[in-house]
PDB file of N, CA and C in Angstrom:
ATOM      1  N   MET A   1      -3.209 -14.204 -12.003  1.00  0.00           N
ATOM      2  CA  MET A   1      -2.950 -12.906 -11.421  1.00  0.00           C
ATOM      3  C   MET A   1      -3.408 -12.917  -9.962  1.00  0.00           C
ATOM      4  N   VAL A   2      -2.699 -12.170  -9.127  1.00  0.00           N
ATOM      5  CA  VAL A   2      -3.000 -12.066  -7.700  1.00  0.00           C
ATOM      6  C   VAL A   2      -3.299 -10.604  -7.353  1.00  0.00           C
ATOM      7  N   LYS A   3      -4.371 -10.407  -6.606  1.00  0.00           N
ATOM      8  CA  LYS A   3      -4.714  -9.079  -6.087  1.00  0.00           C
ATOM      9  C   LYS A   3      -4.257  -9.020  -4.629  1.00  0.00           C
ATOM     10  N   HIS A   4      -3.668  -7.887  -4.265  1.00  0.00           N
ATOM     11  CA  HIS A   4      -3.175  -7.645  -2.900  1.00  0.00           C
ATOM     12  C   HIS A   4      -3.798  -6.328  -2.447  1.00  0.00           C
ATOM     13  N   MET A   5      -4.675  -6.419  -1.471  1.00  0.00           N
ATOM     14  CA  MET A   5      -5.411  -5.252  -0.982  1.00  0.00           C
ATOM     15  C   MET A   5      -5.015  -4.990   0.474  1.00  0.00           C
ATOM     16  N   ILE A   6      -4.828  -3.727   0.805  1.00  0.00           N
ATOM     17  CA  ILE A   6      -4.533  -3.340   2.189  1.00  0.00           C
ATOM     18  C   ILE A   6      -5.385  -2.129   2.543  1.00  0.00           C
ATOM     19  N   VAL A   7      -5.908  -2.129   3.756  1.00  0.00           N
ATOM     20  CA  VAL A   7      -6.576  -0.954   4.311  1.00  0.00           C
ATOM     21  C   VAL A   7      -5.828  -0.578   5.583  1.00  0.00           C
ATOM     22  N   TRP A   8      -5.405   0.686   5.650  1.00  0.00           N
ATOM     23  CA  TRP A   8      -4.666   1.195   6.803  1.00  0.00           C
ATOM     24  C   TRP A   8      -5.489   2.224   7.558  1.00  0.00           C
ATOM     25  N   LYS A   9      -5.208   2.339   8.833  1.00  0.00           N
ATOM     26  CA  LYS A   9      -5.753   3.391   9.694  1.00  0.00           C
ATOM     27  C   LYS A   9      -4.559   4.165  10.247  1.00  0.00           C
ATOM     28  N   PHE A  10      -4.555   5.481  10.023  1.00  0.00           N
ATOM     29  CA  PHE A  10      -3.461   6.313  10.523  1.00  0.00           C
ATOM     30  C   PHE A  10      -3.462   6.379  12.051  1.00  0.00           C
ATOM     31  N   LYS A  11      -2.297   6.592  12.611  1.00  0.00           N
ATOM     32  CA  LYS A  11      -2.184   6.867  14.041  1.00  0.00           C
ATOM     33  C   LYS A  11      -2.889   8.194  14.325  1.00  0.00           C
ATOM     34  N   ASP A  12      -3.591   8.266  15.451  1.00  0.00           N
ATOM     35  CA  ASP A  12      -4.316   9.485  15.811  1.00  0.00           C
ATOM     36  C   ASP A  12      -3.391  10.686  15.934  1.00  0.00           C
ATOM     37  N   GLU A  13      -2.182  10.457  16.420  1.00  0.00           N
ATOM     38  CA  GLU A  13      -1.257  11.567  16.682  1.00  0.00           C
ATOM     39  C   GLU A  13      -0.524  12.063  15.432  1.00  0.00           C
ATOM     40  N   LEU A  14      -0.745  11.428  14.280  1.00  0.00           N
ATOM     41  CA  LEU A  14      -0.089  11.871  13.055  1.00  0.00           C
ATOM     42  C   LEU A  14      -0.562  13.279  12.701  1.00  0.00           C
ATOM     43  N   ALA A  15       0.381  14.190  12.521  1.00  0.00           N
ATOM     44  CA  ALA A  15       0.068  15.611  12.350  1.00  0.00           C
ATOM     45  C   ALA A  15      -0.682  15.905  11.053  1.00  0.00           C
ATOM     46  N   SER A  16      -0.167  15.483   9.919  1.00  0.00           N
ATOM     47  CA  SER A  16      -0.786  15.810   8.638  1.00  0.00           C
ATOM     48  C   SER A  16      -1.105  14.534   7.872  1.00  0.00           C
ATOM     49  N   LYS A  17      -2.284  14.010   8.104  1.00  0.00           N
ATOM     50  CA  LYS A  17      -2.678  12.752   7.472  1.00  0.00           C
ATOM     51  C   LYS A  17      -2.801  12.892   5.956  1.00  0.00           C
ATOM     52  N   ALA A  18      -3.355  13.998   5.487  1.00  0.00           N
ATOM     53  CA  ALA A  18      -3.518  14.193   4.040  1.00  0.00           C
ATOM     54  C   ALA A  18      -2.160  14.282   3.346  1.00  0.00           C
ATOM     55  N   GLU A  19      -1.228  14.972   3.961  1.00  0.00           N
ATOM     56  CA  GLU A  19       0.117  15.097   3.396  1.00  0.00           C
ATOM     57  C   GLU A  19       0.816  13.740   3.366  1.00  0.00           C
ATOM     58  N   ARG A  20       0.703  12.980   4.439  1.00  0.00           N
ATOM     59  CA  ARG A  20       1.336  11.655   4.492  1.00  0.00           C
ATOM     60  C   ARG A  20       0.679  10.713   3.489  1.00  0.00           C
ATOM     61  N   ALA A  21      -0.638  10.782   3.353  1.00  0.00           N
ATOM     62  CA  ALA A  21      -1.337   9.946   2.373  1.00  0.00           C
ATOM     63  C   ALA A  21      -0.821  10.227   0.969  1.00  0.00           C
ATOM     64  N   ALA A  22      -0.606  11.493   0.632  1.00  0.00           N
ATOM     65  CA  ALA A  22      -0.090  11.873  -0.681  1.00  0.00           C
ATOM     66  C   ALA A  22       1.328  11.344  -0.890  1.00  0.00           C
ATOM     67  N   GLU A  23       2.161  11.408   0.154  1.00  0.00           N
ATOM     68  CA  GLU A  23       3.530  10.888   0.064  1.00  0.00           C
ATOM     69  C   GLU A  23       3.530   9.380  -0.170  1.00  0.00           C
ATOM     70  N   ILE A  24       2.683   8.669   0.575  1.00  0.00           N
ATOM     71  CA  ILE A  24       2.594   7.214   0.435  1.00  0.00           C
ATOM     72  C   ILE A  24       2.087   6.851  -0.955  1.00  0.00           C
ATOM     73  N   LYS A  25       1.075   7.557  -1.426  1.00  0.00           N
ATOM     74  CA  LYS A  25       0.519   7.311  -2.761  1.00  0.00           C
ATOM     75  C   LYS A  25       1.613   7.451  -3.820  1.00  0.00           C
ATOM     76  N   THR A  26       2.332   8.548  -3.799  1.00  0.00           N
ATOM     77  CA  THR A  26       3.395   8.787  -4.781  1.00  0.00           C
ATOM     78  C   THR A  26       4.470   7.707  -4.709  1.00  0.00           C
ATOM     79  N   ALA A  27       4.889   7.379  -3.496  1.00  0.00           N
ATOM     80  CA  ALA A  27       5.968   6.398  -3.324  1.00  0.00           C
ATOM     81  C   ALA A  27       5.556   5.010  -3.801  1.00  0.00           C
ATOM     82  N   LEU A  28       4.404   4.523  -3.357  1.00  0.00           N
ATOM     83  CA  LEU A  28       4.002   3.163  -3.712  1.00  0.00           C
ATOM     84  C   LEU A  28       3.614   3.050  -5.184  1.00  0.00           C
ATOM     85  N   GLU A  29       2.877   4.008  -5.710  1.00  0.00           N
ATOM     86  CA  GLU A  29       2.510   3.943  -7.126  1.00  0.00           C
ATOM     87  C   GLU A  29       3.747   4.061  -8.013  1.00  0.00           C
ATOM     88  N   GLY A  30       4.788   4.689  -7.509  1.00  0.00           N
ATOM     89  CA  GLY A  30       6.037   4.811  -8.243  1.00  0.00           C
ATOM     90  C   GLY A  30       6.818   3.518  -8.369  1.00  0.00           C
ATOM     91  N   LEU A  31       6.401   2.475  -7.676  1.00  0.00           N
ATOM     92  CA  LEU A  31       7.092   1.186  -7.758  1.00  0.00           C
ATOM     93  C   LEU A  31       6.757   0.405  -9.022  1.00  0.00           C
ATOM     94  N   VAL A  32       5.644   0.755  -9.674  1.00  0.00           N
ATOM     95  CA  VAL A  32       5.262   0.054 -10.906  1.00  0.00           C
ATOM     96  C   VAL A  32       6.350   0.294 -11.952  1.00  0.00           C
ATOM     97  N   GLY A  33       6.804  -0.788 -12.553  1.00  0.00           N
ATOM     98  CA  GLY A  33       7.876  -0.711 -13.537  1.00  0.00           C
ATOM     99  C   GLY A  33       9.262  -0.870 -12.932  1.00  0.00           C
ATOM    100  N   LYS A  34       9.342  -0.854 -11.613  1.00  0.00           N
ATOM    101  CA  LYS A  34      10.630  -0.998 -10.931  1.00  0.00           C
ATOM    102  C   LYS A  34      10.779  -2.351 -10.239  1.00  0.00           C
ATOM    103  N   ILE A  35       9.669  -3.047 -10.035  1.00  0.00           N
ATOM    104  CA  ILE A  35       9.694  -4.349  -9.365  1.00  0.00           C
ATOM    105  C   ILE A  35       9.034  -5.365 -10.291  1.00  0.00           C
ATOM    106  N   ASP A  36       9.790  -6.388 -10.673  1.00  0.00           N
ATOM    107  CA  ASP A  36       9.263  -7.422 -11.566  1.00  0.00           C
ATOM    108  C   ASP A  36       8.009  -8.054 -10.971  1.00  0.00           C
ATOM    109  N   GLY A  37       7.007  -8.237 -11.806  1.00  0.00           N
ATOM    110  CA  GLY A  37       5.786  -8.916 -11.394  1.00  0.00           C
ATOM    111  C   GLY A  37       4.725  -8.011 -10.813  1.00  0.00           C
ATOM    112  N   LEU A  38       5.067  -6.767 -10.482  1.00  0.00           N
ATOM    113  CA  LEU A  38       4.088  -5.790 -10.000  1.00  0.00           C
ATOM    114  C   LEU A  38       3.421  -5.169 -11.227  1.00  0.00           C
ATOM    115  N   LEU A  39       2.137  -5.460 -11.420  1.00  0.00           N
ATOM    116  CA  LEU A  39       1.433  -5.021 -12.620  1.00  0.00           C
ATOM    117  C   LEU A  39       0.747  -3.670 -12.440  1.00  0.00           C
ATOM    118  N   GLU A  40       0.097  -3.477 -11.293  1.00  0.00           N
ATOM    119  CA  GLU A  40      -0.652  -2.242 -11.018  1.00  0.00           C
ATOM    120  C   GLU A  40      -0.573  -1.914  -9.536  1.00  0.00           C
ATOM    121  N   MET A  41      -0.638  -0.621  -9.245  1.00  0.00           N
ATOM    122  CA  MET A  41      -0.652  -0.156  -7.855  1.00  0.00           C
ATOM    123  C   MET A  41      -1.526   1.097  -7.807  1.00  0.00           C
ATOM    124  N   HIS A  42      -2.587   1.032  -7.032  1.00  0.00           N
ATOM    125  CA  HIS A  42      -3.480   2.175  -6.863  1.00  0.00           C
ATOM    126  C   HIS A  42      -3.649   2.427  -5.366  1.00  0.00           C
ATOM    127  N   ILE A  43      -3.331   3.633  -4.940  1.00  0.00           N
ATOM    128  CA  ILE A  43      -3.521   4.029  -3.553  1.00  0.00           C
ATOM    129  C   ILE A  43      -4.708   4.982  -3.505  1.00  0.00           C
ATOM    130  N   LEU A  44      -5.723   4.614  -2.774  1.00  0.00           N
ATOM    131  CA  LEU A  44      -6.951   5.403  -2.673  1.00  0.00           C
ATOM    132  C   LEU A  44      -6.908   6.198  -1.374  1.00  0.00           C
ATOM    133  N   THR A  45      -7.038   7.515  -1.501  1.00  0.00           N
ATOM    134  CA  THR A  45      -6.882   8.401  -0.348  1.00  0.00           C
ATOM    135  C   THR A  45      -8.179   9.100   0.051  1.00  0.00           C
ATOM    136  N   GLU A  46      -9.203   9.005  -0.777  1.00  0.00           N
ATOM    137  CA  GLU A  46     -10.449   9.729  -0.525  1.00  0.00           C
ATOM    138  C   GLU A  46     -11.619   8.766  -0.413  1.00  0.00           C
ATOM    139  N   GLY A  47     -11.747   8.097   0.723  1.00  0.00           N
ATOM    140  CA  GLY A  47     -12.866   7.198   0.934  1.00  0.00           C
ATOM    141  C   GLY A  47     -14.121   7.967   1.308  1.00  0.00           C
ATOM    142  N   LEU A  48     -15.247   7.302   1.213  1.00  0.00           N
ATOM    143  CA  LEU A  48     -16.511   7.891   1.647  1.00  0.00           C
ATOM    144  C   LEU A  48     -16.511   8.040   3.164  1.00  0.00           C
ATOM    145  N   PRO A  49     -17.336   8.934   3.701  1.00  0.00           N
ATOM    146  CA  PRO A  49     -17.379   9.137   5.158  1.00  0.00           C
ATOM    147  C   PRO A  49     -17.697   7.861   5.958  1.00  0.00           C
ATOM    148  N   CYS A  50     -18.359   6.897   5.339  1.00  0.00           N
ATOM    149  CA  CYS A  50     -18.700   5.654   6.040  1.00  0.00           C
ATOM    150  C   CYS A  50     -17.525   4.678   6.122  1.00  0.00           C
ATOM    151  N   SER A  51     -16.393   5.004   5.498  1.00  0.00           N
ATOM    152  CA  SER A  51     -15.212   4.122   5.513  1.00  0.00           C
ATOM    153  C   SER A  51     -14.615   4.055   6.905  1.00  0.00           C
ATOM    154  N   SER A  52     -14.136   2.875   7.283  1.00  0.00           N
ATOM    155  CA  SER A  52     -13.485   2.727   8.583  1.00  0.00           C
ATOM    156  C   SER A  52     -11.970   2.818   8.481  1.00  0.00           C
ATOM    157  N   GLY A  53     -11.432   2.841   7.262  1.00  0.00           N
ATOM    158  CA  GLY A  53      -9.996   3.002   7.054  1.00  0.00           C
ATOM    159  C   GLY A  53      -9.692   4.368   6.477  1.00  0.00           C
ATOM    160  N   ASP A  54      -8.414   4.740   6.516  1.00  0.00           N
ATOM    161  CA  ASP A  54      -7.972   6.041   6.011  1.00  0.00           C
ATOM    162  C   ASP A  54      -7.322   5.968   4.641  1.00  0.00           C
ATOM    163  N   LEU A  55      -6.758   4.826   4.305  1.00  0.00           N
ATOM    164  CA  LEU A  55      -5.969   4.684   3.085  1.00  0.00           C
ATOM    165  C   LEU A  55      -6.113   3.241   2.610  1.00  0.00           C
ATOM    166  N   MET A  56      -6.232   3.058   1.285  1.00  0.00           N
ATOM    167  CA  MET A  56      -6.370   1.707   0.748  1.00  0.00           C
ATOM    168  C   MET A  56      -5.410   1.498  -0.412  1.00  0.00           C
ATOM    169  N   MET A  57      -4.805   0.329  -0.440  1.00  0.00           N
ATOM    170  CA  MET A  57      -3.957  -0.072  -1.549  1.00  0.00           C
ATOM    171  C   MET A  57      -4.654  -1.185  -2.316  1.00  0.00           C
ATOM    172  N   ASP A  58      -4.727  -1.024  -3.628  1.00  0.00           N
ATOM    173  CA  ASP A  58      -5.282  -2.025  -4.531  1.00  0.00           C
ATOM    174  C   ASP A  58      -4.182  -2.323  -5.545  1.00  0.00           C
ATOM    175  N   SER A  59      -3.567  -3.488  -5.437  1.00  0.00           N
ATOM    176  CA  SER A  59      -2.443  -3.812  -6.310  1.00  0.00           C
ATOM    177  C   SER A  59      -2.635  -5.167  -6.976  1.00  0.00           C
ATOM    178  N   SER A  60      -1.973  -5.339  -8.122  1.00  0.00           N
ATOM    179  CA  SER A  60      -2.061  -6.575  -8.895  1.00  0.00           C
ATOM    180  C   SER A  60      -0.657  -7.082  -9.197  1.00  0.00           C
ATOM    181  N   PHE A  61      -0.505  -8.397  -9.103  1.00  0.00           N
ATOM    182  CA  PHE A  61       0.778  -9.059  -9.337  1.00  0.00           C
ATOM    183  C   PHE A  61       0.587 -10.217 -10.310  1.00  0.00           C
ATOM    184  N   GLU A  62       1.652 -10.556 -11.017  1.00  0.00           N
ATOM    185  CA  GLU A  62       1.602 -11.664 -11.975  1.00  0.00           C
ATOM    186  C   GLU A  62       1.241 -12.986 -11.303  1.00  0.00           C
ATOM    187  N   SER A  63       1.725 -13.185 -10.067  1.00  0.00           N
ATOM    188  CA  SER A  63       1.555 -14.474  -9.388  1.00  0.00           C
ATOM    189  C   SER A  63       1.768 -14.304  -7.885  1.00  0.00           C
ATOM    190  N   ALA A  64       1.484 -15.354  -7.148  1.00  0.00           N
ATOM    191  CA  ALA A  64       1.755 -15.345  -5.704  1.00  0.00           C
ATOM    192  C   ALA A  64       3.249 -15.217  -5.443  1.00  0.00           C
ATOM    193  N   GLU A  65       4.052 -15.790  -6.316  1.00  0.00           N
ATOM    194  CA  GLU A  65       5.505 -15.686  -6.171  1.00  0.00           C
ATOM    195  C   GLU A  65       5.972 -14.247  -6.388  1.00  0.00           C
ATOM    196  N   ALA A  66       5.357 -13.562  -7.328  1.00  0.00           N
ATOM    197  CA  ALA A  66       5.703 -12.155  -7.569  1.00  0.00           C
ATOM    198  C   ALA A  66       5.331 -11.301  -6.364  1.00  0.00           C
ATOM    199  N   LEU A  67       4.191 -11.584  -5.738  1.00  0.00           N
ATOM    200  CA  LEU A  67       3.797 -10.866  -4.527  1.00  0.00           C
ATOM    201  C   LEU A  67       4.800 -11.114  -3.407  1.00  0.00           C
ATOM    202  N   ALA A  68       5.210 -12.358  -3.235  1.00  0.00           N
ATOM    203  CA  ALA A  68       6.190 -12.691  -2.190  1.00  0.00           C
ATOM    204  C   ALA A  68       7.518 -11.973  -2.436  1.00  0.00           C
ATOM    205  N   ALA A  69       7.948 -11.896  -3.690  1.00  0.00           N
ATOM    206  CA  ALA A  69       9.195 -11.200  -4.015  1.00  0.00           C
ATOM    207  C   ALA A  69       9.057  -9.695  -3.759  1.00  0.00           C
ATOM    208  N   TYR A  70       7.917  -9.120  -4.085  1.00  0.00           N
ATOM    209  CA  TYR A  70       7.646  -7.696  -3.834  1.00  0.00           C
ATOM    210  C   TYR A  70       7.757  -7.373  -2.348  1.00  0.00           C
ATOM    211  N   GLN A  71       7.195  -8.233  -1.523  1.00  0.00           N
ATOM    212  CA  GLN A  71       7.172  -7.975  -0.081  1.00  0.00           C
ATOM    213  C   GLN A  71       8.576  -7.920   0.513  1.00  0.00           C
ATOM    214  N   LYS A  72       9.542  -8.567  -0.132  1.00  0.00           N
ATOM    215  CA  LYS A  72      10.929  -8.576   0.345  1.00  0.00           C
ATOM    216  C   LYS A  72      11.827  -7.614  -0.437  1.00  0.00           C
ATOM    217  N   HIS A  73      11.307  -7.041  -1.505  1.00  0.00           N
ATOM    218  CA  HIS A  73      12.120  -6.199  -2.378  1.00  0.00           C
ATOM    219  C   HIS A  73      12.594  -4.949  -1.621  1.00  0.00           C
ATOM    220  N   PRO A  74      13.860  -4.585  -1.744  1.00  0.00           N
ATOM    221  CA  PRO A  74      14.402  -3.435  -1.002  1.00  0.00           C
ATOM    222  C   PRO A  74      13.659  -2.112  -1.256  1.00  0.00           C
ATOM    223  N   LEU A  75      13.188  -1.888  -2.468  1.00  0.00           N
ATOM    224  CA  LEU A  75      12.446  -0.647  -2.737  1.00  0.00           C
ATOM    225  C   LEU A  75      11.145  -0.600  -1.945  1.00  0.00           C
ATOM    226  N   HIS A  76      10.426  -1.724  -1.913  1.00  0.00           N
ATOM    227  CA  HIS A  76       9.186  -1.803  -1.146  1.00  0.00           C
ATOM    228  C   HIS A  76       9.459  -1.711   0.348  1.00  0.00           C
ATOM    229  N   VAL A  77      10.428  -2.456   0.827  1.00  0.00           N
ATOM    230  CA  VAL A  77      10.754  -2.473   2.263  1.00  0.00           C
ATOM    231  C   VAL A  77      11.141  -1.073   2.738  1.00  0.00           C
ATOM    232  N   GLY A  78      11.884  -0.337   1.928  1.00  0.00           N
ATOM    233  CA  GLY A  78      12.279   1.014   2.295  1.00  0.00           C
ATOM    234  C   GLY A  78      11.087   1.934   2.492  1.00  0.00           C
ATOM    235  N   ILE A  79      10.105   1.839   1.599  1.00  0.00           N
ATOM    236  CA  ILE A  79       8.892   2.655   1.727  1.00  0.00           C
ATOM    237  C   ILE A  79       8.052   2.181   2.909  1.00  0.00           C
ATOM    238  N   ALA A  80       7.895   0.879   3.035  1.00  0.00           N
ATOM    239  CA  ALA A  80       7.081   0.326   4.121  1.00  0.00           C
ATOM    240  C   ALA A  80       7.653   0.691   5.491  1.00  0.00           C
ATOM    241  N   ASP A  81       8.960   0.504   5.660  1.00  0.00           N
ATOM    242  CA  ASP A  81       9.590   0.771   6.961  1.00  0.00           C
ATOM    243  C   ASP A  81       9.797   2.256   7.225  1.00  0.00           C
ATOM    244  N   GLY A  82      10.046   3.028   6.185  1.00  0.00           N
ATOM    245  CA  GLY A  82      10.374   4.438   6.374  1.00  0.00           C
ATOM    246  C   GLY A  82       9.199   5.384   6.349  1.00  0.00           C
ATOM    247  N   LEU A  83       8.126   5.005   5.650  1.00  0.00           N
ATOM    248  CA  LEU A  83       7.015   5.933   5.442  1.00  0.00           C
ATOM    249  C   LEU A  83       5.681   5.385   5.948  1.00  0.00           C
ATOM    250  N   VAL A  84       5.387   4.138   5.608  1.00  0.00           N
ATOM    251  CA  VAL A  84       4.064   3.584   5.911  1.00  0.00           C
ATOM    252  C   VAL A  84       3.938   3.138   7.366  1.00  0.00           C
ATOM    253  N   ARG A  85       4.724   2.176   7.782  1.00  0.00           N
ATOM    254  CA  ARG A  85       4.560   1.596   9.130  1.00  0.00           C
ATOM    255  C   ARG A  85       4.639   2.621  10.258  1.00  0.00           C
ATOM    256  N   PRO A  86       5.537   3.595  10.209  1.00  0.00           N
ATOM    257  CA  PRO A  86       5.582   4.573  11.298  1.00  0.00           C
ATOM    258  C   PRO A  86       4.320   5.439  11.407  1.00  0.00           C
ATOM    259  N   SER A  87       3.503   5.466  10.350  1.00  0.00           N
ATOM    260  CA  SER A  87       2.318   6.320  10.305  1.00  0.00           C
ATOM    261  C   SER A  87       1.028   5.607  10.689  1.00  0.00           C
ATOM    262  N   MET A  88       1.067   4.282  10.754  1.00  0.00           N
ATOM    263  CA  MET A  88      -0.171   3.514  10.852  1.00  0.00           C
ATOM    264  C   MET A  88      -0.432   2.910  12.224  1.00  0.00           C
ATOM    265  N   ALA A  89      -1.690   2.964  12.606  1.00  0.00           N
ATOM    266  CA  ALA A  89      -2.142   2.323  13.846  1.00  0.00           C
ATOM    267  C   ALA A  89      -2.584   0.889  13.570  1.00  0.00           C
ATOM    268  N   SER A  90      -3.119   0.643  12.362  1.00  0.00           N
ATOM    269  CA  SER A  90      -3.582  -0.712  12.045  1.00  0.00           C
ATOM    270  C   SER A  90      -3.516  -0.959  10.546  1.00  0.00           C
ATOM    271  N   ARG A  91      -3.526  -2.257  10.221  1.00  0.00           N
ATOM    272  CA  ARG A  91      -3.416  -2.704   8.828  1.00  0.00           C
ATOM    273  C   ARG A  91      -4.185  -3.993   8.676  1.00  0.00           C
ATOM    274  N   LEU A  92      -5.022  -4.050   7.652  1.00  0.00           N
ATOM    275  CA  LEU A  92      -5.700  -5.282   7.272  1.00  0.00           C
ATOM    276  C   LEU A  92      -5.352  -5.573   5.828  1.00  0.00           C
ATOM    277  N   SER A  93      -5.112  -6.823   5.514  1.00  0.00           N
ATOM    278  CA  SER A  93      -4.817  -7.177   4.127  1.00  0.00           C
ATOM    279  C   SER A  93      -5.686  -8.339   3.682  1.00  0.00           C
ATOM    280  N   PHE A  94      -5.856  -8.430   2.365  1.00  0.00           N
ATOM    281  CA  PHE A  94      -6.602  -9.523   1.768  1.00  0.00           C
ATOM    282  C   PHE A  94      -5.987  -9.780   0.401  1.00  0.00           C
ATOM    283  N   ASP A  95      -5.548 -11.003   0.173  1.00  0.00           N
ATOM    284  CA  ASP A  95      -4.935 -11.412  -1.092  1.00  0.00           C
ATOM    285  C   ASP A  95      -5.788 -12.498  -1.709  1.00  0.00           C
ATOM    286  N   TYR A  96      -5.925 -12.451  -3.052  1.00  0.00           N
ATOM    287  CA  TYR A  96      -6.707 -13.485  -3.720  1.00  0.00           C
ATOM    288  C   TYR A  96      -6.266 -13.622  -5.172  1.00  0.00           C
ATOM    289  N   GLU A  97      -6.549 -14.789  -5.746  1.00  0.00           N
ATOM    290  CA  GLU A  97      -6.224 -15.047  -7.149  1.00  0.00           C
ATOM    291  C   GLU A  97      -7.409 -14.676  -8.016  1.00  0.00           C
ATOM    292  N   VAL A  98      -7.077 -14.102  -9.168  1.00  0.00           N
ATOM    293  CA  VAL A  98      -8.108 -13.711 -10.123  1.00  0.00           C
ATOM    294  C   VAL A  98      -8.080 -14.696 -11.278  1.00  0.00           C
TER     295      VAL A  98
END
């Protein structure tokens, strides 16, 4: 199994960060069951005040190949290009095998 973690920082000029976080959470968590190899998707929107990021994704995949297929999948790309990337100032990711 492969874990894929992302921490995003919203753009300062984004008008409603809480509303956008909720939209992203619904969209990405909704991909479970629609993309082969995607086992779990959790979007965390309420970090502690000491957090340096605004939004975190914690996802699990069957394999590294499943993660690679997810990253190119049209459903994921549509959400990433249409909702996530336009809202973010920065992104850090970390992938590892369990």
